[in-house]
Amino acid sequence: MIARPWTDDLSKCRNTCVASYFSRLGGSLNNTDDYLCFYCQTEDNFCLYGVFEPHNGLEAARFIMQRMAAEILFPPPSADQHNLMATTIIYSDEEIRDRLRNAFVSVEKAYIENYDGMIAERTSLQYQLQTLNEAQNRDTILARLKEIDQHLSGGATVVIALVHNNKLFVANVGETRALLCRTDDNSVLRVVQLTVDHSLNNEDELLRLSQLGLDVNKLRNAQYLGNQTGTRCLGNYLVKGLYKAFPNISAAASEPVVAAPEIHGPITLDESCRFLVLVSAGVFKRIQETKGSSEQTNKELAQIIVENFRKQTDFRRVSQSVLEEIEEEFVSYCVKNSLTPKSNTHVSLLIRNFNFLPPAEDTNPIPKNPSVRFNPIVQSKSNTLLNEIDSEVYSSGTNEGTNDSMADTNRSMESSSDIYPSGRLYEKDKKIKGYVDFSCYYENVAKARRNGNLPDFIK
């Protein structure tokens, strides 16, 4: 029996709903209460959220999840004399970023220490293989080595969101995503990906790997780094400390798969911020597979969420109903095309409502059918406008940098959404007030008419 994680005892954020499941193969949806996520709120209104997508089993992912919560909420006194549970303490933006960065470093170190015994045993068994001749003992050693490698290959990709003093900070490794859904001046709901996908489709990551001496063209074609597809994760010692055992990455000058997070923020949470989504890669990859395109995946997911906001009377059921809808469509697609989905895929979705729906603390009930409108025409925006949107979203009103990464070529910017929130309908047929002043033109025409030199074609 698996021990209940201590993170279940944290005070839950009432404005958050979560859901997770293991993928099904023609059977019923396998829901699970073993959520690889947390969503807590401290007494001084710190809010911490995390989603963890396991690699090769749940054991390492559970360890990483629980240790991550401990490192962020209760940092070592030597590193910080205060903790996030303390009251009347205001942390600077840089202190928050350092807290997140140090947490990832500490969790990775703790993971290695947790498996020190197995790593030492593996080294000893490999030495014995070189000296033993008995076939029976060799088979026993090989079986044990396979078992150890199964444990050492466990890991997780992670996305963390922290809200402090009305500011949002996000950190991630891997392809787990954080999406912020906010309205623009025309009340159009826009979807902005706050995280970076650490994959072999990311040009920045390919550049980093090429600087280690790897052939990125081969990696791009293979879409694998050792035993995984991502370029960053927590855990998975096999592809880190033992990366020389994998032919396609053995030439690297140092470990090609790293645990360093990308950190974004602060992002000021104003009234335009509607809801936050933390989602594992399995969710949006299902949408990509079904739709046949990856360009509008974030917008597709946001639209499904808004539709379920409207349909569900219980906010706590929204995440589950969204995953069920995505899974149903994905399984139907696989059956229609005679495809077999990958087994044992753990999928998680966390939605943090800001003000798309009334907060949970409000006494007024959530309306049964929140009014939303969908525009079938998706407008295309120029790169200049996308950059303006990107700059606005990541601006915190200060001169401090908001992104630990200098370049982010893999962020998916959904330029225009077709979702209009309740109470602020956009009048698409409304005339735009004139903004060009023609008074100078009319003055010159009047002057020319008085002087008698007005051209004949001007009346």
Protein backbone atom coordinates (compact mmCIF):
# COMPACT_ATOMS: atom_id res chain seq x y z
CA MET A 1 0.00 0.00 0.00
CA ILE A 2 1.33 3.43 -0.98
CA ALA A 3 1.69 5.91 1.86
CA ARG A 4 -0.52 8.97 1.66
CA PRO A 5 1.61 12.01 0.70
CA TRP A 6 1.94 14.72 3.33
CA THR A 7 1.04 17.33 0.69
CA ASP A 8 -2.57 16.10 0.96
CA ASP A 9 -2.71 17.74 4.40
CA LEU A 10 -1.81 21.21 3.11
CA SER A 11 -4.55 23.82 3.21
CA LYS A 12 -6.16 23.65 -0.23
CA CYS A 13 -6.79 26.67 -2.45
CA ARG A 14 -10.57 26.74 -2.83
CA ASN A 15 -10.38 28.48 -6.21
CA THR A 16 -8.54 25.53 -7.77
CA CYS A 17 -9.82 22.32 -9.32
CA VAL A 18 -7.64 19.36 -10.34
CA ALA A 19 -8.02 16.03 -12.10
CA SER A 20 -5.79 13.22 -13.31
CA TYR A 21 -6.06 9.77 -14.83
CA PHE A 22 -4.11 6.96 -16.43
CA SER A 23 -4.84 6.59 -20.12
CA ARG A 24 -7.22 3.83 -21.10
CA LEU A 25 -6.87 1.36 -23.94
CA GLY A 26 -10.43 0.72 -24.98
CA GLY A 27 -11.64 0.39 -21.39
CA SER A 28 -13.25 2.76 -18.94
CA LEU A 29 -11.58 5.95 -17.80
CA ASN A 30 -9.21 5.08 -14.97
CA ASN A 31 -9.62 7.99 -12.60
CA THR A 32 -7.24 8.24 -9.68
CA ASP A 33 -7.09 10.18 -6.46
CA ASP A 34 -3.30 9.85 -6.55
CA TYR A 35 -2.88 13.31 -8.02
CA LEU A 36 0.69 14.22 -8.88
CA CYS A 37 0.04 17.84 -8.01
CA PHE A 38 -0.54 20.18 -5.11
CA TYR A 39 -2.50 23.41 -4.71
CA CYS A 40 -2.12 25.00 -1.32
CA GLN A 41 -2.68 28.37 0.31
CA THR A 42 -0.82 29.47 3.43
CA GLU A 43 -2.16 31.64 6.22
CA ASP A 44 -0.46 34.74 4.81
CA ASN A 45 -2.04 34.14 1.36
CA PHE A 46 0.93 32.53 -0.33
CA CYS A 47 -0.47 30.25 -3.03
CA LEU A 48 1.62 27.39 -4.40
CA TYR A 49 0.65 25.12 -7.28
CA GLY A 50 2.49 22.28 -8.98
CA VAL A 51 1.90 19.60 -11.61
CA PHE A 52 4.29 16.67 -12.05
CA GLU A 53 4.34 14.33 -15.04
CA PRO A 54 6.07 11.02 -14.24
CA HIS A 55 8.63 9.26 -16.37
CA ASN A 56 8.89 5.48 -16.11
CA GLY A 57 6.78 4.96 -12.99
CA LEU A 58 5.29 6.96 -10.14
CA GLU A 59 7.80 6.32 -7.36
CA ALA A 60 10.33 8.99 -8.30
CA ALA A 61 7.59 11.47 -9.28
CA ARG A 62 5.95 11.14 -5.85
CA PHE A 63 9.29 11.72 -4.15
CA ILE A 64 9.99 14.78 -6.32
CA MET A 65 6.52 16.23 -5.71
CA GLN A 66 6.68 15.97 -1.93
CA ARG A 67 10.26 17.20 -1.71
CA MET A 68 9.49 20.17 -3.99
CA ALA A 69 6.65 21.34 -1.74
CA ALA A 70 8.90 21.04 1.31
CA GLU A 71 11.78 22.95 -0.28
CA ILE A 72 9.58 25.87 -1.36
CA LEU A 73 7.41 26.14 1.74
CA PHE A 74 10.08 25.31 4.31
CA PRO A 75 13.52 26.29 2.98
CA PRO A 76 16.63 25.58 5.09
CA PRO A 77 17.18 28.28 7.76
CA SER A 78 20.75 28.75 6.58
CA ALA A 79 19.51 29.77 3.14
CA ASP A 80 16.71 31.98 4.40
CA GLN A 81 15.93 32.85 8.00
CA HIS A 82 12.24 33.13 7.18
CA ASN A 83 9.79 30.75 5.61
CA LEU A 84 6.69 31.15 3.54
CA MET A 85 4.48 30.25 6.49
CA ALA A 86 5.65 33.29 8.44
CA THR A 87 3.46 36.36 8.63
CA THR A 88 4.13 40.04 7.94
CA ILE A 89 7.03 39.24 5.60
CA ILE A 90 7.20 40.67 2.10
CA TYR A 91 9.73 39.01 -0.19
CA SER A 92 11.38 40.77 -3.08
CA ASP A 93 10.90 39.44 -6.60
CA GLU A 94 14.50 38.25 -6.73
CA GLU A 95 14.09 36.39 -3.43
CA ILE A 96 11.09 34.54 -4.83
CA ARG A 97 12.97 33.60 -7.99
CA ASP A 98 15.93 32.41 -5.90
CA ARG A 99 13.56 30.36 -3.74
CA LEU A 100 12.20 28.57 -6.80
CA ARG A 101 15.62 28.09 -8.39
CA ASN A 102 17.14 26.70 -5.17
CA ALA A 103 14.18 24.35 -4.71
CA PHE A 104 14.85 22.65 -8.05
CA VAL A 105 18.55 22.30 -7.21
CA SER A 106 17.78 20.85 -3.77
CA VAL A 107 15.19 18.39 -5.11
CA GLU A 108 17.59 17.08 -7.76
CA LYS A 109 20.31 16.66 -5.13
CA ALA A 110 17.90 14.88 -2.77
CA TYR A 111 16.84 12.53 -5.57
CA ILE A 112 20.46 11.48 -6.18
CA GLU A 113 21.03 10.99 -2.44
CA ASN A 114 17.85 8.92 -2.19
CA TYR A 115 19.19 6.48 -4.78
CA ASP A 116 22.83 6.48 -3.63
CA GLY A 117 22.56 2.88 -2.46
CA MET A 118 21.23 1.64 -5.78
CA ILE A 119 23.85 3.58 -7.73
CA ALA A 120 26.62 2.00 -5.63
CA GLU A 121 25.08 -1.46 -6.00
CA ARG A 122 24.85 -1.03 -9.76
CA THR A 123 28.55 -0.15 -9.97
CA SER A 124 29.45 -3.20 -7.88
CA LEU A 125 27.31 -5.55 -9.99
CA GLN A 126 28.82 -4.28 -13.23
CA TYR A 127 32.29 -4.98 -11.83
CA GLN A 128 31.20 -8.50 -10.88
CA LEU A 129 29.97 -9.13 -14.43
CA GLN A 130 33.48 -8.56 -15.72
CA THR A 131 34.96 -11.18 -13.38
CA LEU A 132 32.28 -13.91 -13.26
CA ASN A 133 32.11 -16.83 -15.65
CA GLU A 134 29.17 -18.78 -14.22
CA ALA A 135 26.15 -18.35 -16.46
CA GLN A 136 23.67 -18.74 -13.59
CA ASN A 137 25.21 -15.97 -11.51
CA ARG A 138 25.46 -13.79 -14.59
CA ASP A 139 21.74 -14.12 -15.26
CA THR A 140 20.98 -13.22 -11.65
CA ILE A 141 23.17 -10.13 -11.83
CA LEU A 142 21.66 -9.03 -15.15
CA ALA A 143 18.16 -9.39 -13.72
CA ARG A 144 19.09 -7.26 -10.72
CA LEU A 145 20.75 -4.64 -12.94
CA LYS A 146 17.58 -4.40 -15.01
CA GLU A 147 15.56 -3.88 -11.85
CA ILE A 148 17.93 -1.16 -10.61
CA ASP A 149 17.89 0.62 -13.98
CA GLN A 150 14.10 0.65 -13.84
CA HIS A 151 14.26 2.57 -10.57
CA LEU A 152 17.07 4.90 -11.67
CA SER A 153 15.22 5.88 -14.86
CA GLY A 154 12.29 7.25 -12.87
CA GLY A 155 11.83 11.00 -12.92
CA ALA A 156 9.38 13.78 -13.66
CA THR A 157 8.84 16.96 -15.61
CA VAL A 158 7.54 19.79 -13.45
CA VAL A 159 5.70 23.10 -13.61
CA ILE A 160 5.38 25.25 -10.49
CA ALA A 161 3.33 28.42 -10.04
CA LEU A 162 3.64 30.66 -6.99
CA VAL A 163 1.45 33.67 -6.21
CA HIS A 164 2.76 36.22 -3.73
CA ASN A 165 1.72 39.81 -3.16
CA ASN A 166 -0.58 39.66 -6.21
CA LYS A 167 2.30 38.57 -8.46
CA LEU A 168 2.66 35.30 -10.33
CA PHE A 169 5.95 33.39 -10.69
CA VAL A 170 6.32 30.27 -12.83
CA ALA A 171 9.13 27.70 -13.08
CA ASN A 172 9.35 24.54 -15.17
CA VAL A 173 11.52 21.76 -16.54
CA GLY A 174 10.30 19.61 -19.41
CA GLU A 175 7.11 20.02 -21.41
CA THR A 176 4.59 20.57 -18.63
CA ARG A 177 2.99 23.94 -19.35
CA ALA A 178 1.56 26.95 -17.57
CA LEU A 179 -1.04 28.96 -19.50
CA LEU A 180 -2.42 32.32 -18.40
CA CYS A 181 -5.80 33.25 -19.85
CA ARG A 182 -6.46 36.99 -19.73
CA THR A 183 -8.69 39.47 -21.55
CA ASP A 184 -7.43 42.32 -23.68
CA ASP A 185 -8.92 45.82 -24.04
CA ASN A 186 -11.65 44.42 -26.30
CA SER A 187 -12.60 41.74 -23.74
CA VAL A 188 -11.22 38.99 -25.97
CA LEU A 189 -9.74 36.13 -23.97
CA ARG A 190 -6.14 35.55 -24.97
CA VAL A 191 -4.06 32.51 -24.05
CA VAL A 192 -0.39 33.03 -23.26
CA GLN A 193 2.03 30.19 -22.60
CA LEU A 194 4.25 31.25 -19.70
CA THR A 195 6.59 28.26 -19.81
CA VAL A 196 9.18 26.96 -22.25
CA ASP A 197 8.87 23.49 -23.81
CA HIS A 198 12.20 21.78 -23.14
CA SER A 199 12.13 19.46 -26.13
CA LEU A 200 14.04 18.75 -29.31
CA ASN A 201 11.70 21.16 -31.11
CA ASN A 202 13.17 24.04 -29.11
CA GLU A 203 15.94 25.79 -31.06
CA ASP A 204 17.52 27.14 -27.87
CA GLU A 205 17.81 23.63 -26.47
CA LEU A 206 19.27 22.34 -29.73
CA LEU A 207 21.87 25.12 -29.60
CA ARG A 208 22.77 24.13 -26.04
CA LEU A 209 23.16 20.49 -27.09
CA SER A 210 25.25 21.41 -30.13
CA GLN A 211 27.63 23.31 -27.86
CA LEU A 212 28.13 20.04 -25.96
CA GLY A 213 29.34 18.41 -29.18
CA LEU A 214 26.17 16.54 -30.18
CA ASP A 215 24.80 16.20 -33.72
CA VAL A 216 21.49 18.04 -33.39
CA ASN A 217 20.27 16.93 -36.82
CA LYS A 218 20.38 13.31 -35.71
CA LEU A 219 18.71 14.20 -32.42
CA ARG A 220 15.99 16.16 -34.20
CA ASN A 221 15.24 13.18 -36.43
CA ALA A 222 15.32 10.67 -33.58
CA GLN A 223 13.33 12.88 -31.17
CA TYR A 224 15.00 11.07 -28.28
CA LEU A 225 17.73 11.91 -25.79
CA GLY A 226 18.77 8.58 -24.35
CA ASN A 227 15.58 7.10 -22.90
CA GLN A 228 13.37 10.21 -22.99
CA THR A 229 12.07 12.85 -25.39
CA GLY A 230 12.61 15.94 -23.24
CA THR A 231 15.84 17.86 -22.74
CA ARG A 232 15.26 18.73 -19.06
CA CYS A 233 13.73 16.91 -16.11
CA LEU A 234 14.15 16.10 -12.45
CA GLY A 235 15.45 12.62 -11.67
CA ASN A 236 16.16 9.97 -14.33
CA TYR A 237 19.76 9.30 -13.27
CA LEU A 238 20.27 6.91 -16.19
CA VAL A 239 20.17 9.67 -18.79
CA LYS A 240 22.24 12.04 -16.63
CA GLY A 241 25.01 10.41 -14.61
CA LEU A 242 25.07 7.40 -16.94
CA TYR A 243 24.45 9.20 -20.25
CA LYS A 244 27.63 7.68 -21.77
CA ALA A 245 25.72 4.39 -22.05
CA PHE A 246 23.41 5.87 -24.72
CA PRO A 247 25.01 5.98 -28.19
CA ASN A 248 23.17 9.07 -29.46
CA ILE A 249 24.33 11.27 -26.55
CA SER A 250 27.55 9.58 -25.40
CA ALA A 251 29.68 12.13 -27.28
CA ALA A 252 28.43 15.02 -25.12
CA ALA A 253 31.11 16.89 -23.16
CA SER A 254 28.81 16.95 -20.11
CA GLU A 255 25.33 15.79 -19.13
CA PRO A 256 22.95 16.79 -21.96
CA VAL A 257 19.77 16.41 -19.90
CA VAL A 258 19.73 18.94 -17.07
CA ALA A 259 17.48 19.91 -14.17
CA ALA A 260 17.90 23.71 -14.41
CA PRO A 261 14.46 25.40 -14.51
CA GLU A 262 13.25 28.30 -16.62
CA ILE A 263 11.77 30.93 -14.28
CA HIS A 264 9.33 33.62 -15.38
CA GLY A 265 7.87 36.45 -13.38
CA PRO A 266 6.77 38.48 -11.68
CA ILE A 267 3.58 38.78 -13.70
CA THR A 268 1.15 41.22 -12.10
CA LEU A 269 -2.29 39.69 -11.56
CA ASP A 270 -4.81 42.39 -12.43
CA GLU A 271 -8.50 42.19 -13.29
CA SER A 272 -7.69 41.08 -16.85
CA CYS A 273 -6.26 37.76 -15.57
CA ARG A 274 -9.12 35.23 -15.74
CA PHE A 275 -7.61 31.83 -14.93
CA LEU A 276 -4.34 29.91 -14.83
CA VAL A 277 -3.83 26.42 -16.25
CA LEU A 278 -1.07 23.96 -15.29
CA VAL A 279 -1.15 20.96 -17.59
CA SER A 280 0.95 17.88 -18.25
CA ALA A 281 2.27 17.23 -21.75
CA GLY A 282 -0.05 14.27 -22.26
CA VAL A 283 -3.08 16.57 -22.36
CA PHE A 284 -2.00 18.96 -25.10
CA LYS A 285 -0.31 16.16 -27.07
CA ARG A 286 -3.68 14.40 -27.21
CA ILE A 287 -5.21 17.57 -28.62
CA GLN A 288 -2.38 17.88 -31.15
CA GLU A 289 -2.86 14.28 -32.25
CA THR A 290 -6.61 14.67 -32.63
CA LYS A 291 -6.53 18.04 -34.40
CA GLY A 292 -3.46 17.25 -36.50
CA SER A 293 -1.79 20.54 -35.64
CA SER A 294 0.23 22.01 -32.78
CA GLU A 295 -0.22 25.70 -33.61
CA GLN A 296 -3.53 26.27 -31.83
CA THR A 297 -3.27 23.66 -29.07
CA ASN A 298 -3.30 26.13 -26.18
CA LYS A 299 -6.31 27.95 -27.60
CA GLU A 300 -8.16 24.67 -28.14
CA LEU A 301 -7.57 23.70 -24.51
CA ALA A 302 -8.69 27.11 -23.22
CA GLN A 303 -11.86 26.91 -25.29
CA ILE A 304 -12.70 23.46 -23.89
CA ILE A 305 -12.17 24.81 -20.36
CA VAL A 306 -14.45 27.80 -20.95
CA GLU A 307 -17.16 25.55 -22.41
CA ASN A 308 -16.98 23.37 -19.30
CA PHE A 309 -17.11 26.43 -17.06
CA ARG A 310 -20.46 27.08 -18.72
CA LYS A 311 -21.75 23.50 -18.53
CA GLN A 312 -20.63 22.50 -15.03
CA THR A 313 -22.57 23.65 -11.99
CA ASP A 314 -19.80 22.45 -9.66
CA PHE A 315 -16.47 24.21 -10.23
CA ARG A 316 -14.61 21.28 -8.66
CA ARG A 317 -15.75 19.08 -11.55
CA VAL A 318 -14.43 21.30 -14.35
CA SER A 319 -10.93 19.79 -14.63
CA GLN A 320 -12.29 16.26 -14.63
CA SER A 321 -14.92 17.01 -17.27
CA VAL A 322 -12.28 18.69 -19.47
CA LEU A 323 -10.00 15.64 -19.31
CA GLU A 324 -12.91 13.30 -19.99
CA GLU A 325 -13.88 15.28 -23.08
CA ILE A 326 -10.30 15.30 -24.41
CA GLU A 327 -9.87 11.59 -23.69
CA GLU A 328 -13.14 10.65 -25.39
CA GLU A 329 -12.18 12.50 -28.55
CA PHE A 330 -8.65 11.07 -28.48
CA VAL A 331 -9.79 7.46 -28.05
CA SER A 332 -12.37 7.88 -30.84
CA TYR A 333 -9.63 9.24 -33.09
CA CYS A 334 -7.38 6.26 -32.30
CA VAL A 335 -10.16 3.74 -32.95
CA LYS A 336 -11.10 5.42 -36.22
CA ASN A 337 -7.49 5.37 -37.44
CA SER A 338 -6.59 1.94 -35.96
CA LEU A 339 -4.00 3.45 -33.63
CA THR A 340 -2.91 2.12 -30.24
CA PRO A 341 -2.40 4.86 -27.62
CA LYS A 342 0.66 4.69 -25.43
CA SER A 343 -0.20 2.81 -22.26
CA ASN A 344 0.21 4.04 -18.68
CA THR A 345 0.20 7.73 -19.57
CA HIS A 346 -0.48 9.79 -16.46
CA VAL A 347 -2.31 13.01 -17.33
CA SER A 348 -3.02 15.94 -14.99
CA LEU A 349 -4.85 19.26 -15.29
CA LEU A 350 -4.97 22.05 -12.69
CA ILE A 351 -7.14 25.15 -13.15
CA ARG A 352 -6.80 28.16 -10.85
CA ASN A 353 -9.73 30.56 -11.24
CA PHE A 354 -8.92 34.23 -10.68
CA ASN A 355 -12.06 36.06 -11.75
CA PHE A 356 -13.55 34.24 -14.72
CA LEU A 357 -16.05 32.80 -12.24
CA PRO A 358 -17.00 34.29 -8.85
CA PRO A 359 -14.36 33.34 -6.25
CA ALA A 360 -15.16 30.38 -4.02
CA GLU A 361 -15.34 32.65 -0.97
CA ASP A 362 -18.27 34.59 -2.45
CA THR A 363 -21.69 33.85 -1.03
CA ASN A 364 -23.30 34.17 -4.47
CA PRO A 365 -23.53 30.79 -6.21
CA ILE A 366 -21.73 30.16 -9.48
CA PRO A 367 -24.15 30.76 -12.35
CA LYS A 368 -25.30 27.56 -13.97
CA ASN A 369 -24.52 28.70 -17.51
CA PRO A 370 -22.00 31.55 -17.57
CA SER A 371 -22.57 33.48 -20.77
CA VAL A 372 -19.74 33.11 -23.26
CA ARG A 373 -19.65 33.71 -26.99
CA PHE A 374 -17.40 32.15 -29.58
CA ASN A 375 -16.32 33.93 -32.74
CA PRO A 376 -15.81 31.41 -35.58
CA ILE A 377 -13.26 33.69 -37.25
CA VAL A 378 -9.76 33.45 -35.82
CA GLN A 379 -7.89 36.65 -36.51
CA SER A 380 -4.23 36.50 -37.44
CA LYS A 381 -1.88 38.98 -35.85
CA SER A 382 1.48 40.28 -36.95
CA ASN A 383 4.68 39.32 -35.19
CA THR A 384 4.96 42.91 -34.00
CA LEU A 385 1.65 42.67 -32.18
CA LEU A 386 2.60 39.29 -30.74
CA ASN A 387 5.76 40.82 -29.34
CA GLU A 388 3.73 43.66 -27.85
CA ILE A 389 1.40 41.16 -26.19
CA ASP A 390 4.37 39.16 -24.92
CA SER A 391 6.01 42.26 -23.51
CA GLU A 392 2.82 43.39 -21.81
CA VAL A 393 2.17 40.03 -20.19
CA TYR A 394 5.65 39.68 -18.77
CA SER A 395 5.88 43.26 -17.57
CA SER A 396 5.53 43.69 -13.82
CA GLY A 397 5.66 47.44 -13.73
CA THR A 398 9.29 47.43 -12.61
CA ASN A 399 12.64 47.55 -14.35
CA GLU A 400 13.57 44.10 -13.13
CA GLY A 401 13.87 41.28 -15.64
CA THR A 402 11.02 38.83 -15.67
CA ASN A 403 12.65 35.90 -17.40
CA ASP A 404 15.74 33.98 -16.34
CA SER A 405 16.16 32.83 -19.92
CA MET A 406 17.50 35.39 -22.38
CA ALA A 407 15.92 33.68 -25.39
CA ASP A 408 12.63 31.88 -25.63
CA THR A 409 11.96 30.67 -29.14
CA ASN A 410 9.57 27.89 -28.20
CA ARG A 411 6.91 29.80 -26.30
CA SER A 412 3.55 29.31 -27.94
CA MET A 413 1.80 32.66 -28.25
CA GLU A 414 -1.86 32.27 -29.14
CA SER A 415 -2.40 35.55 -30.95
CA SER A 416 -6.16 35.64 -30.83
CA SER A 417 -8.81 33.69 -29.03
CA ASP A 418 -12.49 33.50 -29.81
CA ILE A 419 -13.74 33.53 -26.26
CA TYR A 420 -15.68 36.44 -24.80
CA PRO A 421 -16.27 36.47 -21.02
CA SER A 422 -19.59 37.15 -19.40
CA GLY A 423 -20.71 40.73 -18.93
CA ARG A 424 -18.20 42.33 -21.32
CA LEU A 425 -19.38 41.38 -24.81
CA TYR A 426 -17.35 42.80 -27.64
CA GLU A 427 -19.41 44.85 -30.13
CA LYS A 428 -17.85 43.67 -33.37
CA ASP A 429 -20.14 45.91 -35.53
CA LYS A 430 -19.50 49.06 -33.51
CA LYS A 431 -17.99 51.91 -35.56
CA ILE A 432 -14.49 52.96 -34.63
CA LYS A 433 -14.06 56.60 -33.73
CA GLY A 434 -12.02 58.51 -36.30
CA TYR A 435 -8.41 59.06 -35.37
CA VAL A 436 -7.07 60.97 -38.46
CA ASP A 437 -7.28 64.79 -38.34
CA PHE A 438 -8.18 66.32 -41.76
CA SER A 439 -8.52 69.92 -40.51
CA CYS A 440 -5.22 70.97 -42.12
CA TYR A 441 -6.42 69.65 -45.50
CA TYR A 442 -9.70 71.58 -45.33
CA GLU A 443 -7.90 74.77 -44.29
CA ASN A 444 -5.60 74.54 -47.34
CA VAL A 445 -8.58 73.89 -49.65
CA ALA A 446 -10.37 76.98 -48.30
CA LYS A 447 -7.21 79.07 -48.71
CA ALA A 448 -6.71 77.92 -52.32
CA ARG A 449 -10.37 78.64 -53.11
CA ARG A 450 -9.99 82.20 -51.79
CA ASN A 451 -6.82 82.73 -53.82
CA GLY A 452 -8.46 81.30 -56.96
CA ASN A 453 -5.87 78.55 -57.51
CA LEU A 454 -7.95 75.56 -56.38
CA PRO A 455 -7.43 72.59 -58.79
CA ASP A 456 -10.43 71.73 -60.98
CA PHE A 457 -10.72 68.16 -59.68
CA ILE A 458 -11.39 69.43 -56.13
CA LYS A 459 -14.94 70.61 -55.61
